[in-house]
Amino acid sequence: QLVESGGGLVQPGGSLRLSCAASGNI
């Protein structure tokens, strides 16, 4: 599975950092 995090509400000109971690029998 892949699990994302870091989304949200931000004002124009702002910044966000999204993360995604894969887990399982990879």
mmCIF file of all heavy atoms, coordinates in Angstrom:
data_MODEL
# 
_entry.id   MODEL 
# 
loop_
_atom_site.group_PDB 
_atom_site.id 
_atom_site.type_symbol 
_atom_site.label_atom_id 
_atom_site.label_alt_id 
_atom_site.label_comp_id 
_atom_site.label_asym_id 
_atom_site.label_entity_id 
_atom_site.label_seq_id 
_atom_site.pdbx_PDB_ins_code 
_atom_site.Cartn_x 
_atom_site.Cartn_y 
_atom_site.Cartn_z 
_atom_site.occupancy 
_atom_site.B_iso_or_equiv 
_atom_site.pdbx_formal_charge 
_atom_site.auth_seq_id 
_atom_site.auth_comp_id 
_atom_site.auth_asym_id 
_atom_site.auth_atom_id 
_atom_site.pdbx_PDB_model_num 
ATOM 1   N N   . GLN A 1 1  ? 0.821  -1.186 0.000  1.00 0.00 ? 1  GLN A N   1 
ATOM 2   C CA  . GLN A 1 1  ? 0.000  0.000  0.000  1.00 0.00 ? 1  GLN A CA  1 
ATOM 3   C C   . GLN A 1 1  ? 0.864  1.249  0.000  1.00 0.00 ? 1  GLN A C   1 
ATOM 4   O O   . GLN A 1 1  ? 2.008  1.234  0.452  1.00 0.00 ? 1  GLN A O   1 
ATOM 5   C CB  . GLN A 1 1  ? -0.964 0.037  1.185  1.00 0.00 ? 1  GLN A CB  1 
ATOM 6   C CG  . GLN A 1 1  ? -0.304 0.110  2.545  1.00 0.00 ? 1  GLN A CG  1 
ATOM 7   C CD  . GLN A 1 1  ? -1.329 0.213  3.658  1.00 0.00 ? 1  GLN A CD  1 
ATOM 8   O OE1 . GLN A 1 1  ? -2.476 -0.214 3.518  1.00 0.00 ? 1  GLN A OE1 1 
ATOM 9   N NE2 . GLN A 1 1  ? -0.930 0.787  4.778  1.00 0.00 ? 1  GLN A NE2 1 
ATOM 10  N N   . LEU A 1 2  ? 0.300  2.323  -0.540 1.00 0.00 ? 2  LEU A N   1 
ATOM 11  C CA  . LEU A 1 2  ? 0.925  3.631  -0.535 1.00 0.00 ? 2  LEU A CA  1 
ATOM 12  C C   . LEU A 1 2  ? 0.057  4.560  0.291  1.00 0.00 ? 2  LEU A C   1 
ATOM 13  O O   . LEU A 1 2  ? -1.157 4.595  0.105  1.00 0.00 ? 2  LEU A O   1 
ATOM 14  C CB  . LEU A 1 2  ? 1.060  4.195  -1.949 1.00 0.00 ? 2  LEU A CB  1 
ATOM 15  C CG  . LEU A 1 2  ? 1.745  3.331  -3.009 1.00 0.00 ? 2  LEU A CG  1 
ATOM 16  C CD1 . LEU A 1 2  ? 1.786  4.070  -4.340 1.00 0.00 ? 2  LEU A CD1 1 
ATOM 17  C CD2 . LEU A 1 2  ? 3.151  2.957  -2.573 1.00 0.00 ? 2  LEU A CD2 1 
ATOM 18  N N   . VAL A 1 3  ? 0.668  5.314  1.180  1.00 0.00 ? 3  VAL A N   1 
ATOM 19  C CA  . VAL A 1 3  ? -0.066 6.215  2.055  1.00 0.00 ? 3  VAL A CA  1 
ATOM 20  C C   . VAL A 1 3  ? 0.498  7.619  1.909  1.00 0.00 ? 3  VAL A C   1 
ATOM 21  O O   . VAL A 1 3  ? 1.674  7.849  2.179  1.00 0.00 ? 3  VAL A O   1 
ATOM 22  C CB  . VAL A 1 3  ? -0.001 5.767  3.521  1.00 0.00 ? 3  VAL A CB  1 
ATOM 23  C CG1 . VAL A 1 3  ? -0.760 6.747  4.407  1.00 0.00 ? 3  VAL A CG1 1 
ATOM 24  C CG2 . VAL A 1 3  ? -0.579 4.370  3.680  1.00 0.00 ? 3  VAL A CG2 1 
ATOM 25  N N   . GLU A 1 4  ? -0.359 8.558  1.488  1.00 0.00 ? 4  GLU A N   1 
ATOM 26  C CA  . GLU A 1 4  ? 0.036  9.951  1.332  1.00 0.00 ? 4  GLU A CA  1 
ATOM 27  C C   . GLU A 1 4  ? -0.279 10.743 2.591  1.00 0.00 ? 4  GLU A C   1 
ATOM 28  O O   . GLU A 1 4  ? -1.189 10.404 3.347  1.00 0.00 ? 4  GLU A O   1 
ATOM 29  C CB  . GLU A 1 4  ? -0.694 10.611 0.155  1.00 0.00 ? 4  GLU A CB  1 
ATOM 30  C CG  . GLU A 1 4  ? -0.477 9.956  -1.191 1.00 0.00 ? 4  GLU A CG  1 
ATOM 31  C CD  . GLU A 1 4  ? -1.676 9.155  -1.627 1.00 0.00 ? 4  GLU A CD  1 
ATOM 32  O OE1 . GLU A 1 4  ? -2.389 8.613  -0.753 1.00 0.00 ? 4  GLU A OE1 1 
ATOM 33  O OE2 . GLU A 1 4  ? -1.907 9.064  -2.849 1.00 0.00 ? 4  GLU A OE2 1 
ATOM 34  N N   . SER A 1 5  ? 0.456  11.828 2.769  1.00 0.00 ? 5  SER A N   1 
ATOM 35  C CA  . SER A 1 5  ? 0.183  12.761 3.842  1.00 0.00 ? 5  SER A CA  1 
ATOM 36  C C   . SER A 1 5  ? 0.687  14.139 3.435  1.00 0.00 ? 5  SER A C   1 
ATOM 37  O O   . SER A 1 5  ? 1.476  14.268 2.504  1.00 0.00 ? 5  SER A O   1 
ATOM 38  C CB  . SER A 1 5  ? 0.835  12.320 5.158  1.00 0.00 ? 5  SER A CB  1 
ATOM 39  O OG  . SER A 1 5  ? 2.243  12.279 5.038  1.00 0.00 ? 5  SER A OG  1 
ATOM 40  N N   . GLY A 1 6  ? 0.223  15.166 4.127  1.00 0.00 ? 6  GLY A N   1 
ATOM 41  C CA  . GLY A 1 6  ? 0.726  16.509 3.913  1.00 0.00 ? 6  GLY A CA  1 
ATOM 42  C C   . GLY A 1 6  ? -0.212 17.456 3.199  1.00 0.00 ? 6  GLY A C   1 
ATOM 43  O O   . GLY A 1 6  ? 0.092  18.650 3.081  1.00 0.00 ? 6  GLY A O   1 
ATOM 44  N N   . GLY A 1 7  ? -1.338 16.964 2.712  1.00 0.00 ? 7  GLY A N   1 
ATOM 45  C CA  . GLY A 1 7  ? -2.283 17.839 2.045  1.00 0.00 ? 7  GLY A CA  1 
ATOM 46  C C   . GLY A 1 7  ? -2.980 18.760 3.024  1.00 0.00 ? 7  GLY A C   1 
ATOM 47  O O   . GLY A 1 7  ? -2.885 18.598 4.240  1.00 0.00 ? 7  GLY A O   1 
ATOM 48  N N   . GLY A 1 8  ? -3.684 19.740 2.477  1.00 0.00 ? 8  GLY A N   1 
ATOM 49  C CA  . GLY A 1 8  ? -4.404 20.672 3.323  1.00 0.00 ? 8  GLY A CA  1 
ATOM 50  C C   . GLY A 1 8  ? -4.782 21.929 2.583  1.00 0.00 ? 8  GLY A C   1 
ATOM 51  O O   . GLY A 1 8  ? -4.725 21.994 1.353  1.00 0.00 ? 8  GLY A O   1 
ATOM 52  N N   . LEU A 1 9  ? -5.171 22.933 3.350  1.00 0.00 ? 9  LEU A N   1 
ATOM 53  C CA  . LEU A 1 9  ? -5.572 24.232 2.819  1.00 0.00 ? 9  LEU A CA  1 
ATOM 54  C C   . LEU A 1 9  ? -4.426 25.218 2.974  1.00 0.00 ? 9  LEU A C   1 
ATOM 55  O O   . LEU A 1 9  ? -3.850 25.349 4.061  1.00 0.00 ? 9  LEU A O   1 
ATOM 56  C CB  . LEU A 1 9  ? -6.808 24.737 3.563  1.00 0.00 ? 9  LEU A CB  1 
ATOM 57  C CG  . LEU A 1 9  ? -7.299 26.141 3.230  1.00 0.00 ? 9  LEU A CG  1 
ATOM 58  C CD1 . LEU A 1 9  ? -7.763 26.211 1.778  1.00 0.00 ? 9  LEU A CD1 1 
ATOM 59  C CD2 . LEU A 1 9  ? -8.420 26.537 4.176  1.00 0.00 ? 9  LEU A CD2 1 
ATOM 60  N N   . VAL A 1 10 ? -4.113 25.926 1.894  1.00 0.00 ? 10 VAL A N   1 
ATOM 61  C CA  . VAL A 1 10 ? -3.030 26.893 1.914  1.00 0.00 ? 10 VAL A CA  1 
ATOM 62  C C   . VAL A 1 10 ? -3.420 28.094 1.062  1.00 0.00 ? 10 VAL A C   1 
ATOM 63  O O   . VAL A 1 10 ? -4.191 27.967 0.111  1.00 0.00 ? 10 VAL A O   1 
ATOM 64  C CB  . VAL A 1 10 ? -1.717 26.250 1.414  1.00 0.00 ? 10 VAL A CB  1 
ATOM 65  C CG1 . VAL A 1 10 ? -1.825 25.872 -0.059 1.00 0.00 ? 10 VAL A CG1 1 
ATOM 66  C CG2 . VAL A 1 10 ? -0.531 27.163 1.664  1.00 0.00 ? 10 VAL A CG2 1 
ATOM 67  N N   . GLN A 1 11 ? -2.888 29.256 1.406  1.00 0.00 ? 11 GLN A N   1 
ATOM 68  C CA  . GLN A 1 11 ? -3.155 30.467 0.638  1.00 0.00 ? 11 GLN A CA  1 
ATOM 69  C C   . GLN A 1 11 ? -2.311 30.515 -0.626 1.00 0.00 ? 11 GLN A C   1 
ATOM 70  O O   . GLN A 1 11 ? -1.240 29.908 -0.689 1.00 0.00 ? 11 GLN A O   1 
ATOM 71  C CB  . GLN A 1 11 ? -2.863 31.705 1.490  1.00 0.00 ? 11 GLN A CB  1 
ATOM 72  C CG  . GLN A 1 11 ? -3.795 31.884 2.671  1.00 0.00 ? 11 GLN A CG  1 
ATOM 73  C CD  . GLN A 1 11 ? -3.505 33.148 3.441  1.00 0.00 ? 11 GLN A CD  1 
ATOM 74  O OE1 . GLN A 1 11 ? -2.406 33.693 3.384  1.00 0.00 ? 11 GLN A OE1 1 
ATOM 75  N NE2 . GLN A 1 11 ? -4.503 33.637 4.162  1.00 0.00 ? 11 GLN A NE2 1 
ATOM 76  N N   . PRO A 1 12 ? -2.785 31.225 -1.658 1.00 0.00 ? 12 PRO A N   1 
ATOM 77  C CA  . PRO A 1 12 ? -1.951 31.399 -2.851 1.00 0.00 ? 12 PRO A CA  1 
ATOM 78  C C   . PRO A 1 12 ? -0.578 31.944 -2.492 1.00 0.00 ? 12 PRO A C   1 
ATOM 79  O O   . PRO A 1 12 ? -0.449 32.839 -1.655 1.00 0.00 ? 12 PRO A O   1 
ATOM 80  C CB  . PRO A 1 12 ? -2.749 32.388 -3.696 1.00 0.00 ? 12 PRO A CB  1 
ATOM 81  C CG  . PRO A 1 12 ? -4.163 32.169 -3.276 1.00 0.00 ? 12 PRO A CG  1 
ATOM 82  C CD  . PRO A 1 12 ? -4.094 31.874 -1.796 1.00 0.00 ? 12 PRO A CD  1 
ATOM 83  N N   . GLY A 1 13 ? 0.447  31.392 -3.126 1.00 0.00 ? 13 GLY A N   1 
ATOM 84  C CA  . GLY A 1 13 ? 1.814  31.762 -2.824 1.00 0.00 ? 13 GLY A CA  1 
ATOM 85  C C   . GLY A 1 13 ? 2.447  30.952 -1.717 1.00 0.00 ? 13 GLY A C   1 
ATOM 86  O O   . GLY A 1 13 ? 3.661  31.044 -1.496 1.00 0.00 ? 13 GLY A O   1 
ATOM 87  N N   . GLY A 1 14 ? 1.657  30.152 -1.036 1.00 0.00 ? 14 GLY A N   1 
ATOM 88  C CA  . GLY A 1 14 ? 2.159  29.342 0.049  1.00 0.00 ? 14 GLY A CA  1 
ATOM 89  C C   . GLY A 1 14 ? 2.799  28.053 -0.419 1.00 0.00 ? 14 GLY A C   1 
ATOM 90  O O   . GLY A 1 14 ? 2.931  27.795 -1.624 1.00 0.00 ? 14 GLY A O   1 
ATOM 91  N N   . SER A 1 15 ? 3.186  27.225 0.544  1.00 0.00 ? 15 SER A N   1 
ATOM 92  C CA  . SER A 1 15 ? 3.893  25.988 0.257  1.00 0.00 ? 15 SER A CA  1 
ATOM 93  C C   . SER A 1 15 ? 3.297  24.819 1.024  1.00 0.00 ? 15 SER A C   1 
ATOM 94  O O   . SER A 1 15 ? 2.735  24.988 2.112  1.00 0.00 ? 15 SER A O   1 
ATOM 95  C CB  . SER A 1 15 ? 5.376  26.104 0.638  1.00 0.00 ? 15 SER A CB  1 
ATOM 96  O OG  . SER A 1 15 ? 6.033  27.105 -0.116 1.00 0.00 ? 15 SER A OG  1 
ATOM 97  N N   . LEU A 1 16 ? 3.425  23.641 0.449  1.00 0.00 ? 16 LEU A N   1 
ATOM 98  C CA  . LEU A 1 16 ? 3.076  22.391 1.099  1.00 0.00 ? 16 LEU A CA  1 
ATOM 99  C C   . LEU A 1 16 ? 4.093  21.340 0.692  1.00 0.00 ? 16 LEU A C   1 
ATOM 100 O O   . LEU A 1 16 ? 4.668  21.421 -0.395 1.00 0.00 ? 16 LEU A O   1 
ATOM 101 C CB  . LEU A 1 16 ? 1.682  21.904 0.702  1.00 0.00 ? 16 LEU A CB  1 
ATOM 102 C CG  . LEU A 1 16 ? 0.459  22.591 1.295  1.00 0.00 ? 16 LEU A CG  1 
ATOM 103 C CD1 . LEU A 1 16 ? -0.804 22.055 0.623  1.00 0.00 ? 16 LEU A CD1 1 
ATOM 104 C CD2 . LEU A 1 16 ? 0.384  22.377 2.796  1.00 0.00 ? 16 LEU A CD2 1 
ATOM 105 N N   . ARG A 1 17 ? 4.285  20.369 1.555  1.00 0.00 ? 17 ARG A N   1 
ATOM 106 C CA  . ARG A 1 17 ? 5.146  19.239 1.230  1.00 0.00 ? 17 ARG A CA  1 
ATOM 107 C C   . ARG A 1 17 ? 4.361  17.949 1.406  1.00 0.00 ? 17 ARG A C   1 
ATOM 108 O O   . ARG A 1 17 ? 3.926  17.632 2.515  1.00 0.00 ? 17 ARG A O   1 
ATOM 109 C CB  . ARG A 1 17 ? 6.387  19.213 2.116  1.00 0.00 ? 17 ARG A CB  1 
ATOM 110 C CG  . ARG A 1 17 ? 7.420  18.150 1.718  1.00 0.00 ? 17 ARG A CG  1 
ATOM 111 C CD  . ARG A 1 17 ? 8.700  18.311 2.514  1.00 0.00 ? 17 ARG A CD  1 
ATOM 112 N NE  . ARG A 1 17 ? 9.788  17.502 2.004  1.00 0.00 ? 17 ARG A NE  1 
ATOM 113 C CZ  . ARG A 1 17 ? 10.238 16.380 2.573  1.00 0.00 ? 17 ARG A CZ  1 
ATOM 114 N NH1 . ARG A 1 17 ? 9.677  15.942 3.698  1.00 0.00 ? 17 ARG A NH1 1 
ATOM 115 N NH2 . ARG A 1 17 ? 11.246 15.713 2.032  1.00 0.00 ? 17 ARG A NH2 1 
ATOM 116 N N   . LEU A 1 18 ? 4.183  17.226 0.318  1.00 0.00 ? 18 LEU A N   1 
ATOM 117 C CA  . LEU A 1 18 ? 3.481  15.958 0.340  1.00 0.00 ? 18 LEU A CA  1 
ATOM 118 C C   . LEU A 1 18 ? 4.473  14.818 0.518  1.00 0.00 ? 18 LEU A C   1 
ATOM 119 O O   . LEU A 1 18 ? 5.575  14.853 -0.029 1.00 0.00 ? 18 LEU A O   1 
ATOM 120 C CB  . LEU A 1 18 ? 2.694  15.740 -0.949 1.00 0.00 ? 18 LEU A CB  1 
ATOM 121 C CG  . LEU A 1 18 ? 1.695  16.822 -1.350 1.00 0.00 ? 18 LEU A CG  1 
ATOM 122 C CD1 . LEU A 1 18 ? 0.950  16.399 -2.612 1.00 0.00 ? 18 LEU A CD1 1 
ATOM 123 C CD2 . LEU A 1 18 ? 0.725  17.121 -0.220 1.00 0.00 ? 18 LEU A CD2 1 
ATOM 124 N N   . SER A 1 19 ? 4.058  13.811 1.269  1.00 0.00 ? 19 SER A N   1 
ATOM 125 C CA  . SER A 1 19 ? 4.875  12.629 1.484  1.00 0.00 ? 19 SER A CA  1 
ATOM 126 C C   . SER A 1 19 ? 4.072  11.394 1.123  1.00 0.00 ? 19 SER A C   1 
ATOM 127 O O   . SER A 1 19 ? 2.853  11.361 1.273  1.00 0.00 ? 19 SER A O   1 
ATOM 128 C CB  . SER A 1 19 ? 5.324  12.527 2.945  1.00 0.00 ? 19 SER A CB  1 
ATOM 129 O OG  . SER A 1 19 ? 6.109  13.638 3.323  1.00 0.00 ? 19 SER A OG  1 
ATOM 130 N N   . CYS A 1 20 ? 4.763  10.368 0.669  1.00 0.00 ? 20 CYS A N   1 
ATOM 131 C CA  . CYS A 1 20 ? 4.140  9.094  0.346  1.00 0.00 ? 20 CYS A CA  1 
ATOM 132 C C   . CYS A 1 20 ? 5.098  7.981  0.723  1.00 0.00 ? 20 CYS A C   1 
ATOM 133 O O   . CYS A 1 20 ? 6.248  7.983  0.274  1.00 0.00 ? 20 CYS A O   1 
ATOM 134 C CB  . CYS A 1 20 ? 3.794  9.022  -1.142 1.00 0.00 ? 20 CYS A CB  1 
ATOM 135 S SG  . CYS A 1 20 ? 3.218  7.397  -1.695 1.00 0.00 ? 20 CYS A SG  1 
ATOM 136 N N   . ALA A 1 21 ? 4.623  7.047  1.519  1.00 0.00 ? 21 ALA A N   1 
ATOM 137 C CA  . ALA A 1 21 ? 5.425  5.909  1.937  1.00 0.00 ? 21 ALA A CA  1 
ATOM 138 C C   . ALA A 1 21 ? 4.789  4.616  1.457  1.00 0.00 ? 21 ALA A C   1 
ATOM 139 O O   . ALA A 1 21 ? 3.594  4.390  1.671  1.00 0.00 ? 21 ALA A O   1 
ATOM 140 C CB  . ALA A 1 21 ? 5.572  5.891  3.455  1.00 0.00 ? 21 ALA A CB  1 
ATOM 141 N N   . ALA A 1 22 ? 5.576  3.785  0.814  1.00 0.00 ? 22 ALA A N   1 
ATOM 142 C CA  . ALA A 1 22 ? 5.125  2.474  0.373  1.00 0.00 ? 22 ALA A CA  1 
ATOM 143 C C   . ALA A 1 22 ? 5.499  1.430  1.418  1.00 0.00 ? 22 ALA A C   1 
ATOM 144 O O   . ALA A 1 22 ? 6.579  1.489  2.010  1.00 0.00 ? 22 ALA A O   1 
ATOM 145 C CB  . ALA A 1 22 ? 5.745  2.109  -0.968 1.00 0.00 ? 22 ALA A CB  1 
ATOM 146 N N   . SER A 1 23 ? 4.603  0.483  1.644  1.00 0.00 ? 23 SER A N   1 
ATOM 147 C CA  . SER A 1 23 ? 4.869  -0.570 2.610  1.00 0.00 ? 23 SER A CA  1 
ATOM 148 C C   . SER A 1 23 ? 4.310  -1.890 2.099  1.00 0.00 ? 23 SER A C   1 
ATOM 149 O O   . SER A 1 23 ? 3.485  -1.920 1.190  1.00 0.00 ? 23 SER A O   1 
ATOM 150 C CB  . SER A 1 23 ? 4.271  -0.235 3.979  1.00 0.00 ? 23 SER A CB  1 
ATOM 151 O OG  . SER A 1 23 ? 2.859  -0.129 3.907  1.00 0.00 ? 23 SER A OG  1 
ATOM 152 N N   . GLY A 1 24 ? 4.738  -2.977 2.715  1.00 0.00 ? 24 GLY A N   1 
ATOM 153 C CA  . GLY A 1 24 ? 4.312  -4.300 2.317  1.00 0.00 ? 24 GLY A CA  1 
ATOM 154 C C   . GLY A 1 24 ? 5.477  -5.125 1.818  1.00 0.00 ? 24 GLY A C   1 
ATOM 155 O O   . GLY A 1 24 ? 6.636  -4.806 2.055  1.00 0.00 ? 24 GLY A O   1 
ATOM 156 N N   . ASN A 1 25 ? 5.156  -6.203 1.121  1.00 0.00 ? 25 ASN A N   1 
ATOM 157 C CA  . ASN A 1 25 ? 6.187  -7.105 0.610  1.00 0.00 ? 25 ASN A CA  1 
ATOM 158 C C   . ASN A 1 25 ? 6.713  -6.578 -0.716 1.00 0.00 ? 25 ASN A C   1 
ATOM 159 O O   . ASN A 1 25 ? 6.363  -7.074 -1.790 1.00 0.00 ? 25 ASN A O   1 
ATOM 160 C CB  . ASN A 1 25 ? 5.640  -8.515 0.464  1.00 0.00 ? 25 ASN A CB  1 
ATOM 161 C CG  . ASN A 1 25 ? 5.274  -9.138 1.796  1.00 0.00 ? 25 ASN A CG  1 
ATOM 162 O OD1 . ASN A 1 25 ? 5.908  -8.856 2.801  1.00 0.00 ? 25 ASN A OD1 1 
ATOM 163 N ND2 . ASN A 1 25 ? 4.256  -9.971 1.793  1.00 0.00 ? 25 ASN A ND2 1 
ATOM 164 N N   . ILE A 1 26 ? 7.558  -5.584 -0.618 1.00 0.00 ? 26 ILE A N   1 
ATOM 165 C CA  . ILE A 1 26 ? 8.097  -4.899 -1.785 1.00 0.00 ? 26 ILE A CA  1 
ATOM 166 C C   . ILE A 1 26 ? 9.456  -5.476 -2.134 1.00 0.00 ? 26 ILE A C   1 
ATOM 167 O O   . ILE A 1 26 ? 10.348 -5.532 -1.291 1.00 0.00 ? 26 ILE A O   1 
ATOM 168 C CB  . ILE A 1 26 ? 8.210  -3.394 -1.530 1.00 0.00 ? 26 ILE A CB  1 
ATOM 169 C CG1 . ILE A 1 26 ? 6.828  -2.800 -1.263 1.00 0.00 ? 26 ILE A CG1 1 
ATOM 170 C CG2 . ILE A 1 26 ? 8.887  -2.704 -2.708 1.00 0.00 ? 26 ILE A CG2 1 
ATOM 171 C CD1 . ILE A 1 26 ? 6.863  -1.392 -0.729 1.00 0.00 ? 26 ILE A CD1 1 
# 
